[in-house]
Amino acid sequence: MALRLGETGRTTAHLQIEIDDFYYVIEQMYGEKVSKLVCDSNKASVDFIENLSKKIPCDFERLDGYLIPGKEEHKTKVIDKELVAAGKAGMDVELIDSKDKLPHYPLVYPTPHWLKFKNQGMFHPLKYLCGMAQLMSEMPNVTIYTNTHVDDIVDDEKKGTYAGTRNHHRINCKKMVLVAFEVEKGVIERALYWDTHDIYNYHRLAVDDKSPNGKTELLIVGGKDHLTGDQMHKEDYEKLYAELETMARKMFPCGPVRYRW
């Protein structure tokens, strides 16, 4: 597969220092020291991308992130625990009342008590990928291999670290369903939004390159993840798209659907 034709360009490119598995779970399983190490690692990763974005125009942006309880019981089972654990790990986090932020939230979520994480990030994945490839191609002794799947990475004391590849290797992964809406610029806070459902929903804004007057942007709404091997037909996808669109229109002042994937 050639550069930029794979799944990277289809991601929403949330750069969350907060993690899907939650810091309170990491702390329970491995202790506070490991939880802090995970947080420090995520911070360093986002810092690295931010520094590199000075050389690569990739729409990198620092912004807040909001974790939303998908169910009422998640307020105590997830939100309250994560508030304490994420703070101990090193996150800049606070509990907020979101009633004034998105007035239609009761139509989608049962409680207004959200976690606000400061200093998260987002970027344009393809611009970053192509910029990285360009920088690397200018370095001595660097070759980029396309049409090559890596299925093994080995650390060998004698041979060093190397990647093993194999043709026709099967990779099981999750497939996302995403819808991009046209929205009026400035109406929705530029932030990352995601909830605590097992198959969680997530939202972010993106630059609308096709806006004729610069007064619109794109709201990307994702969720309904499923395994790529699932037997999905066109009508199944139409149902998932419809569910995402219904949820988004209840929560945000959405305009027409511009893209679906």
C-alpha atoms as a PDB file:
ATOM      1  CA  MET A   1       0.000   0.000   0.000  1.00  0.00           C
ATOM      2  CA  ALA A   2       1.305   3.426  -0.931  1.00  0.00           C
ATOM      3  CA  LEU A   3       1.893   6.197   1.546  1.00  0.00           C
ATOM      4  CA  ARG A   4      -1.297   7.845   2.917  1.00  0.00           C
ATOM      5  CA  LEU A   5      -3.706   5.333   1.356  1.00  0.00           C
ATOM      6  CA  GLY A   6      -4.270   3.348   4.567  1.00  0.00           C
ATOM      7  CA  GLU A   7      -6.247   3.896   7.743  1.00  0.00           C
ATOM      8  CA  THR A   8      -4.171   6.807   9.102  1.00  0.00           C
ATOM      9  CA  GLY A   9      -6.036   9.347   7.003  1.00  0.00           C
ATOM     10  CA  ARG A  10      -9.366   8.056   8.257  1.00  0.00           C
ATOM     11  CA  THR A  11      -8.643   8.633  11.935  1.00  0.00           C
ATOM     12  CA  THR A  12      -9.943  11.604  13.929  1.00  0.00           C
ATOM     13  CA  ALA A  13      -6.431  12.300  15.277  1.00  0.00           C
ATOM     14  CA  HIS A  14      -7.316  13.071  18.885  1.00  0.00           C
ATOM     15  CA  LEU A  15      -4.091  13.610  20.841  1.00  0.00           C
ATOM     16  CA  GLN A  16      -5.389  12.773  24.290  1.00  0.00           C
ATOM     17  CA  ILE A  17      -3.114  12.642  27.305  1.00  0.00           C
ATOM     18  CA  GLU A  18      -6.134  11.155  29.038  1.00  0.00           C
ATOM     19  CA  ILE A  19      -6.423   7.459  28.115  1.00  0.00           C
ATOM     20  CA  ASP A  20      -9.246   5.156  27.024  1.00  0.00           C
ATOM     21  CA  ASP A  21      -8.536   2.656  29.800  1.00  0.00           C
ATOM     22  CA  PHE A  22      -8.622   5.392  32.476  1.00  0.00           C
ATOM     23  CA  TYR A  23      -5.942   6.246  34.998  1.00  0.00           C
ATOM     24  CA  TYR A  24      -7.937   4.880  37.929  1.00  0.00           C
ATOM     25  CA  VAL A  25      -7.852   1.435  36.267  1.00  0.00           C
ATOM     26  CA  ILE A  26      -4.094   1.686  35.654  1.00  0.00           C
ATOM     27  CA  GLU A  27      -3.596   2.755  39.277  1.00  0.00           C
ATOM     28  CA  GLN A  28      -5.696  -0.139  40.597  1.00  0.00           C
ATOM     29  CA  MET A  29      -3.807  -2.682  38.507  1.00  0.00           C
ATOM     30  CA  TYR A  30      -0.247  -1.348  38.614  1.00  0.00           C
ATOM     31  CA  GLY A  31      -0.060   1.433  41.205  1.00  0.00           C
ATOM     32  CA  GLU A  32       0.388   5.206  41.209  1.00  0.00           C
ATOM     33  CA  LYS A  33       3.974   5.069  39.941  1.00  0.00           C
ATOM     34  CA  VAL A  34       3.001   3.322  36.711  1.00  0.00           C
ATOM     35  CA  SER A  35      -0.045   5.553  36.290  1.00  0.00           C
ATOM     36  CA  LYS A  36       2.186   8.628  36.471  1.00  0.00           C
ATOM     37  CA  LEU A  37       4.627   7.024  34.035  1.00  0.00           C
ATOM     38  CA  VAL A  38       1.810   6.500  31.524  1.00  0.00           C
ATOM     39  CA  CYS A  39       0.748  10.132  31.895  1.00  0.00           C
ATOM     40  CA  ASP A  40       4.312  11.403  31.477  1.00  0.00           C
ATOM     41  CA  SER A  41       4.736   9.242  28.375  1.00  0.00           C
ATOM     42  CA  ASN A  42       1.556  10.578  26.794  1.00  0.00           C
ATOM     43  CA  LYS A  43       2.562  14.160  27.579  1.00  0.00           C
ATOM     44  CA  ALA A  44       5.959  13.601  25.985  1.00  0.00           C
ATOM     45  CA  SER A  45       4.327  12.145  22.866  1.00  0.00           C
ATOM     46  CA  VAL A  46       2.059  15.156  22.372  1.00  0.00           C
ATOM     47  CA  ASP A  47       4.972  17.517  23.103  1.00  0.00           C
ATOM     48  CA  PHE A  48       7.007  15.707  20.433  1.00  0.00           C
ATOM     49  CA  ILE A  49       4.277  16.188  17.829  1.00  0.00           C
ATOM     50  CA  GLU A  50       3.870  19.830  18.836  1.00  0.00           C
ATOM     51  CA  ASN A  51       7.601  20.494  18.417  1.00  0.00           C
ATOM     52  CA  LEU A  52       7.678  18.675  15.090  1.00  0.00           C
ATOM     53  CA  SER A  53       4.648  20.641  13.885  1.00  0.00           C
ATOM     54  CA  LYS A  54       6.902  23.717  13.794  1.00  0.00           C
ATOM     55  CA  LYS A  55       8.605  22.056  10.809  1.00  0.00           C
ATOM     56  CA  ILE A  56       5.514  20.298   9.476  1.00  0.00           C
ATOM     57  CA  PRO A  57       2.361  22.367   8.845  1.00  0.00           C
ATOM     58  CA  CYS A  58      -0.230  19.902  10.152  1.00  0.00           C
ATOM     59  CA  ASP A  59      -2.891  22.049  11.860  1.00  0.00           C
ATOM     60  CA  PHE A  60      -1.618  21.087  15.320  1.00  0.00           C
ATOM     61  CA  GLU A  61      -3.641  22.706  18.075  1.00  0.00           C
ATOM     62  CA  ARG A  62      -3.722  22.603  21.875  1.00  0.00           C
ATOM     63  CA  LEU A  63      -7.220  22.520  23.314  1.00  0.00           C
ATOM     64  CA  ASP A  64      -9.350  21.166  26.157  1.00  0.00           C
ATOM     65  CA  GLY A  65     -10.883  17.699  26.247  1.00  0.00           C
ATOM     66  CA  TYR A  66     -14.187  16.709  27.850  1.00  0.00           C
ATOM     67  CA  LEU A  67     -14.983  13.233  29.180  1.00  0.00           C
ATOM     68  CA  ILE A  68     -18.760  12.775  29.361  1.00  0.00           C
ATOM     69  CA  PRO A  69     -20.495  10.098  31.498  1.00  0.00           C
ATOM     70  CA  GLY A  70     -22.548   7.986  29.105  1.00  0.00           C
ATOM     71  CA  LYS A  71     -24.762   6.661  31.888  1.00  0.00           C
ATOM     72  CA  GLU A  72     -25.912   8.231  35.144  1.00  0.00           C
ATOM     73  CA  GLU A  73     -24.073   5.637  37.240  1.00  0.00           C
ATOM     74  CA  HIS A  74     -20.832   6.481  35.428  1.00  0.00           C
ATOM     75  CA  LYS A  75     -20.693   9.706  37.439  1.00  0.00           C
ATOM     76  CA  THR A  76     -19.624   7.740  40.522  1.00  0.00           C
ATOM     77  CA  LYS A  77     -18.213   4.631  38.841  1.00  0.00           C
ATOM     78  CA  VAL A  78     -15.944   6.454  36.386  1.00  0.00           C
ATOM     79  CA  ILE A  79     -15.943  10.259  36.578  1.00  0.00           C
ATOM     80  CA  ASP A  80     -15.332  10.671  40.320  1.00  0.00           C
ATOM     81  CA  LYS A  81     -12.619   7.987  40.347  1.00  0.00           C
ATOM     82  CA  GLU A  82     -10.893   9.361  37.261  1.00  0.00           C
ATOM     83  CA  LEU A  83     -10.915  12.896  38.655  1.00  0.00           C
ATOM     84  CA  VAL A  84      -8.752  11.755  41.575  1.00  0.00           C
ATOM     85  CA  ALA A  85      -6.555   9.254  39.731  1.00  0.00           C
ATOM     86  CA  ALA A  86      -5.848  11.455  36.707  1.00  0.00           C
ATOM     87  CA  GLY A  87      -4.940  14.336  39.000  1.00  0.00           C
ATOM     88  CA  LYS A  88      -2.470  12.171  40.899  1.00  0.00           C
ATOM     89  CA  ALA A  89      -0.999  10.948  37.615  1.00  0.00           C
ATOM     90  CA  GLY A  90      -0.240  14.522  36.584  1.00  0.00           C
ATOM     91  CA  MET A  91      -3.243  15.604  34.529  1.00  0.00           C
ATOM     92  CA  ASP A  92      -4.653  19.125  34.739  1.00  0.00           C
ATOM     93  CA  VAL A  93      -8.254  18.022  35.328  1.00  0.00           C
ATOM     94  CA  GLU A  94     -11.386  19.422  36.936  1.00  0.00           C
ATOM     95  CA  LEU A  95     -15.055  18.510  37.352  1.00  0.00           C
ATOM     96  CA  ILE A  96     -17.390  20.928  35.569  1.00  0.00           C
ATOM     97  CA  ASP A  97     -21.117  21.501  35.161  1.00  0.00           C
ATOM     98  CA  SER A  98     -21.718  21.490  31.415  1.00  0.00           C
ATOM     99  CA  LYS A  99     -25.242  22.942  31.391  1.00  0.00           C
ATOM    100  CA  ASP A 100     -24.084  26.199  29.837  1.00  0.00           C
ATOM    101  CA  LYS A 101     -21.650  24.534  27.444  1.00  0.00           C
ATOM    102  CA  LEU A 102     -24.071  22.429  25.391  1.00  0.00           C
ATOM    103  CA  PRO A 103     -27.667  23.245  26.313  1.00  0.00           C
ATOM    104  CA  HIS A 104     -29.054  20.184  24.558  1.00  0.00           C
ATOM    105  CA  TYR A 105     -26.929  17.631  26.439  1.00  0.00           C
ATOM    106  CA  PRO A 106     -29.939  16.136  28.384  1.00  0.00           C
ATOM    107  CA  LEU A 107     -31.213  14.740  25.076  1.00  0.00           C
ATOM    108  CA  VAL A 108     -28.104  12.575  24.808  1.00  0.00           C
ATOM    109  CA  TYR A 109     -26.409  12.331  28.214  1.00  0.00           C
ATOM    110  CA  PRO A 110     -28.054  11.908  31.652  1.00  0.00           C
ATOM    111  CA  THR A 111     -25.764  14.085  33.790  1.00  0.00           C
ATOM    112  CA  PRO A 112     -24.058  17.451  33.223  1.00  0.00           C
ATOM    113  CA  HIS A 113     -21.018  16.579  35.348  1.00  0.00           C
ATOM    114  CA  TRP A 114     -18.101  16.205  32.961  1.00  0.00           C
ATOM    115  CA  LEU A 115     -14.348  16.027  33.386  1.00  0.00           C
ATOM    116  CA  LYS A 116     -12.365  18.788  31.715  1.00  0.00           C
ATOM    117  CA  PHE A 117      -8.781  17.960  30.744  1.00  0.00           C
ATOM    118  CA  LYS A 118      -6.638  20.911  29.769  1.00  0.00           C
ATOM    119  CA  ASN A 119      -3.821  20.956  27.231  1.00  0.00           C
ATOM    120  CA  GLN A 120      -4.865  18.057  25.012  1.00  0.00           C
ATOM    121  CA  GLY A 121      -4.224  18.242  21.285  1.00  0.00           C
ATOM    122  CA  MET A 122      -5.323  17.446  17.751  1.00  0.00           C
ATOM    123  CA  PHE A 123      -3.849  17.666  14.257  1.00  0.00           C
ATOM    124  CA  HIS A 124      -4.341  16.694  10.610  1.00  0.00           C
ATOM    125  CA  PRO A 125      -3.065  13.101  10.322  1.00  0.00           C
ATOM    126  CA  LEU A 126      -2.284  13.088   6.596  1.00  0.00           C
ATOM    127  CA  LYS A 127      -0.491  16.425   6.636  1.00  0.00           C
ATOM    128  CA  TYR A 128       1.607  15.136   9.540  1.00  0.00           C
ATOM    129  CA  LEU A 129       2.301  11.782   7.866  1.00  0.00           C
ATOM    130  CA  CYS A 130       3.365  13.338   4.573  1.00  0.00           C
ATOM    131  CA  GLY A 131       5.476  15.924   6.363  1.00  0.00           C
ATOM    132  CA  MET A 132       7.193  13.202   8.375  1.00  0.00           C
ATOM    133  CA  ALA A 133       7.906  11.251   5.199  1.00  0.00           C
ATOM    134  CA  GLN A 134       9.387  14.339   3.550  1.00  0.00           C
ATOM    135  CA  LEU A 135      11.643  15.079   6.531  1.00  0.00           C
ATOM    136  CA  MET A 136      12.809  11.473   6.735  1.00  0.00           C
ATOM    137  CA  SER A 137      13.504  11.267   3.004  1.00  0.00           C
ATOM    138  CA  GLU A 138      15.928  14.176   3.375  1.00  0.00           C
ATOM    139  CA  MET A 139      17.939  12.315   6.018  1.00  0.00           C
ATOM    140  CA  PRO A 140      20.962  10.193   5.054  1.00  0.00           C
ATOM    141  CA  ASN A 141      20.509   6.415   4.982  1.00  0.00           C
ATOM    142  CA  VAL A 142      16.725   6.562   5.412  1.00  0.00           C
ATOM    143  CA  THR A 143      14.460   4.523   3.133  1.00  0.00           C
ATOM    144  CA  ILE A 144      10.673   4.408   3.378  1.00  0.00           C
ATOM    145  CA  TYR A 145       9.183   1.056   2.368  1.00  0.00           C
ATOM    146  CA  THR A 146       5.617   1.055   1.062  1.00  0.00           C
ATOM    147  CA  ASN A 147       3.553  -2.027   0.185  1.00  0.00           C
ATOM    148  CA  THR A 148       5.116  -3.664   3.236  1.00  0.00           C
ATOM    149  CA  HIS A 149       3.259  -4.928   6.299  1.00  0.00           C
ATOM    150  CA  VAL A 150       5.190  -5.289   9.546  1.00  0.00           C
ATOM    151  CA  ASP A 151       4.007  -8.225  11.638  1.00  0.00           C
ATOM    152  CA  ASP A 152       6.871  -8.544  14.110  1.00  0.00           C
ATOM    153  CA  ILE A 153       9.350  -6.260  15.867  1.00  0.00           C
ATOM    154  CA  VAL A 154      12.259  -7.997  17.575  1.00  0.00           C
ATOM    155  CA  ASP A 155      14.894  -6.681  19.987  1.00  0.00           C
ATOM    156  CA  ASP A 156      18.010  -8.811  19.534  1.00  0.00           C
ATOM    157  CA  GLU A 157      21.195  -8.144  21.529  1.00  0.00           C
ATOM    158  CA  LYS A 158      23.380  -9.155  18.576  1.00  0.00           C
ATOM    159  CA  LYS A 159      21.334  -8.005  15.584  1.00  0.00           C
ATOM    160  CA  GLY A 160      19.688  -5.002  17.202  1.00  0.00           C
ATOM    161  CA  THR A 161      16.038  -4.082  16.711  1.00  0.00           C
ATOM    162  CA  TYR A 162      14.444  -5.180  13.451  1.00  0.00           C
ATOM    163  CA  ALA A 163      10.995  -5.558  11.934  1.00  0.00           C
ATOM    164  CA  GLY A 164       9.723  -8.751  10.398  1.00  0.00           C
ATOM    165  CA  THR A 165       7.334  -8.575   7.428  1.00  0.00           C
ATOM    166  CA  ARG A 166       5.169 -11.083   5.634  1.00  0.00           C
ATOM    167  CA  ASN A 167       2.935 -10.886   2.592  1.00  0.00           C
ATOM    168  CA  HIS A 168      -0.777 -11.489   3.033  1.00  0.00           C
ATOM    169  CA  HIS A 169      -0.584 -11.067   6.790  1.00  0.00           C
ATOM    170  CA  ARG A 170      -4.061 -10.754   8.286  1.00  0.00           C
ATOM    171  CA  ILE A 171      -4.601  -7.924  10.776  1.00  0.00           C
ATOM    172  CA  ASN A 172      -7.690  -7.862  12.991  1.00  0.00           C
ATOM    173  CA  CYS A 173      -8.627  -4.361  14.052  1.00  0.00           C
ATOM    174  CA  LYS A 174     -11.644  -2.222  14.755  1.00  0.00           C
ATOM    175  CA  LYS A 175     -13.422  -0.197  12.106  1.00  0.00           C
ATOM    176  CA  MET A 176     -14.939   3.163  12.993  1.00  0.00           C
ATOM    177  CA  VAL A 177     -17.990   4.879  11.574  1.00  0.00           C
ATOM    178  CA  LEU A 178     -17.637   8.639  11.098  1.00  0.00           C
ATOM    179  CA  VAL A 179     -19.834  11.479   9.895  1.00  0.00           C
ATOM    180  CA  ALA A 180     -18.644  15.044   9.198  1.00  0.00           C
ATOM    181  CA  PHE A 181     -21.192  17.869   9.433  1.00  0.00           C
ATOM    182  CA  GLU A 182     -20.940  21.433   8.246  1.00  0.00           C
ATOM    183  CA  VAL A 183     -21.376  23.776  11.237  1.00  0.00           C
ATOM    184  CA  GLU A 184     -21.198  27.512  11.715  1.00  0.00           C
ATOM    185  CA  LYS A 185     -17.728  28.554  12.809  1.00  0.00           C
ATOM    186  CA  GLY A 186     -17.442  29.570  16.454  1.00  0.00           C
ATOM    187  CA  VAL A 187     -20.763  28.096  17.605  1.00  0.00           C
ATOM    188  CA  ILE A 188     -19.194  24.947  19.108  1.00  0.00           C
ATOM    189  CA  GLU A 189     -16.174  25.170  21.387  1.00  0.00           C
ATOM    190  CA  ARG A 190     -13.028  23.842  19.749  1.00  0.00           C
ATOM    191  CA  ALA A 191     -12.386  20.894  22.024  1.00  0.00           C
ATOM    192  CA  LEU A 192     -12.240  17.108  22.102  1.00  0.00           C
ATOM    193  CA  TYR A 193     -15.382  15.340  23.318  1.00  0.00           C
ATOM    194  CA  TRP A 194     -15.761  11.656  24.152  1.00  0.00           C
ATOM    195  CA  ASP A 195     -17.975   9.615  26.477  1.00  0.00           C
ATOM    196  CA  THR A 196     -17.733   6.598  28.784  1.00  0.00           C
ATOM    197  CA  HIS A 197     -19.834   4.109  26.825  1.00  0.00           C
ATOM    198  CA  ASP A 198     -18.124   0.754  26.213  1.00  0.00           C
ATOM    199  CA  ILE A 199     -18.214   1.568  22.504  1.00  0.00           C
ATOM    200  CA  TYR A 200     -17.750   5.258  23.020  1.00  0.00           C
ATOM    201  CA  ASN A 201     -18.696   8.239  20.881  1.00  0.00           C
ATOM    202  CA  TYR A 202     -16.271  11.062  20.138  1.00  0.00           C
ATOM    203  CA  HIS A 203     -16.396  14.466  18.483  1.00  0.00           C
ATOM    204  CA  ARG A 204     -14.002  17.156  17.303  1.00  0.00           C
ATOM    205  CA  LEU A 205     -13.900  20.109  14.931  1.00  0.00           C
ATOM    206  CA  ALA A 206     -11.770  20.331  11.800  1.00  0.00           C
ATOM    207  CA  VAL A 207     -10.885  22.993   9.256  1.00  0.00           C
ATOM    208  CA  ASP A 208     -13.348  23.254   6.371  1.00  0.00           C
ATOM    209  CA  ASP A 209     -11.067  23.659   3.357  1.00  0.00           C
ATOM    210  CA  LYS A 210     -14.090  24.038   1.067  1.00  0.00           C
ATOM    211  CA  SER A 211     -15.773  26.828   3.024  1.00  0.00           C
ATOM    212  CA  PRO A 212     -16.486  29.580   0.446  1.00  0.00           C
ATOM    213  CA  ASN A 213     -16.358  32.399   2.983  1.00  0.00           C
ATOM    214  CA  GLY A 214     -14.450  30.919   5.930  1.00  0.00           C
ATOM    215  CA  LYS A 215     -17.564  30.965   8.097  1.00  0.00           C
ATOM    216  CA  THR A 216     -18.013  27.212   8.448  1.00  0.00           C
ATOM    217  CA  GLU A 217     -16.016  24.327   9.881  1.00  0.00           C
ATOM    218  CA  LEU A 218     -16.496  20.580  10.085  1.00  0.00           C
ATOM    219  CA  LEU A 219     -17.787  18.675  13.097  1.00  0.00           C
ATOM    220  CA  ILE A 220     -16.510  15.085  12.972  1.00  0.00           C
ATOM    221  CA  VAL A 221     -18.636  12.635  14.959  1.00  0.00           C
ATOM    222  CA  GLY A 222     -17.428   9.063  15.402  1.00  0.00           C
ATOM    223  CA  GLY A 223     -18.395   5.841  17.121  1.00  0.00           C
ATOM    224  CA  LYS A 224     -20.158   2.527  16.449  1.00  0.00           C
ATOM    225  CA  ASP A 225     -16.786   0.740  16.310  1.00  0.00           C
ATOM    226  CA  HIS A 226     -16.885  -2.880  15.174  1.00  0.00           C
ATOM    227  CA  LEU A 227     -14.441  -5.533  14.016  1.00  0.00           C
ATOM    228  CA  THR A 228     -13.446  -5.410  10.375  1.00  0.00           C
ATOM    229  CA  GLY A 229     -14.418  -9.064  10.035  1.00  0.00           C
ATOM    230  CA  ASP A 230     -18.045  -8.455  11.015  1.00  0.00           C
ATOM    231  CA  GLN A 231     -20.589  -9.313   8.331  1.00  0.00           C
ATOM    232  CA  MET A 232     -21.771  -5.779   7.569  1.00  0.00           C
ATOM    233  CA  HIS A 233     -24.025  -4.897   4.650  1.00  0.00           C
ATOM    234  CA  LYS A 234     -24.842  -1.512   3.164  1.00  0.00           C
ATOM    235  CA  GLU A 235     -28.083  -1.287   5.116  1.00  0.00           C
ATOM    236  CA  ASP A 236     -26.162  -2.006   8.341  1.00  0.00           C
ATOM    237  CA  TYR A 237     -23.860   0.941   7.695  1.00  0.00           C
ATOM    238  CA  GLU A 238     -26.807   3.155   6.799  1.00  0.00           C
ATOM    239  CA  LYS A 239     -28.333   2.314  10.184  1.00  0.00           C
ATOM    240  CA  LEU A 240     -25.094   3.194  12.013  1.00  0.00           C
ATOM    241  CA  TYR A 241     -24.727   6.452  10.090  1.00  0.00           C
ATOM    242  CA  ALA A 242     -28.329   7.342  10.935  1.00  0.00           C
ATOM    243  CA  GLU A 243     -27.784   6.641  14.633  1.00  0.00           C
ATOM    244  CA  LEU A 244     -24.682   8.841  14.713  1.00  0.00           C
ATOM    245  CA  GLU A 245     -26.443  11.622  12.853  1.00  0.00           C
ATOM    246  CA  THR A 246     -29.442  11.517  15.206  1.00  0.00           C
ATOM    247  CA  MET A 247     -27.200  11.719  18.267  1.00  0.00           C
ATOM    248  CA  ALA A 248     -25.121  14.564  16.811  1.00  0.00           C
ATOM    249  CA  ARG A 249     -28.138  16.657  15.841  1.00  0.00           C
ATOM    250  CA  LYS A 250     -29.567  16.325  19.341  1.00  0.00           C
ATOM    251  CA  MET A 251     -26.343  17.616  20.850  1.00  0.00           C
ATOM    252  CA  PHE A 252     -24.935  20.088  18.327  1.00  0.00           C
ATOM    253  CA  PRO A 253     -26.374  22.662  15.881  1.00  0.00           C
ATOM    254  CA  CYS A 254     -25.374  20.599  12.847  1.00  0.00           C
ATOM    255  CA  GLY A 255     -25.766  21.634   9.234  1.00  0.00           C
ATOM    256  CA  PRO A 256     -25.723  19.283   6.234  1.00  0.00           C
ATOM    257  CA  VAL A 257     -23.684  16.072   6.201  1.00  0.00           C
ATOM    258  CA  ARG A 258     -20.556  16.665   4.129  1.00  0.00           C
ATOM    259  CA  TYR A 259     -18.717  13.340   4.455  1.00  0.00           C
ATOM    260  CA  ARG A 260     -19.290   9.812   5.756  1.00  0.00           C
ATOM    261  CA  TRP A 261     -16.739   7.030   6.121  1.00  0.00           C
END
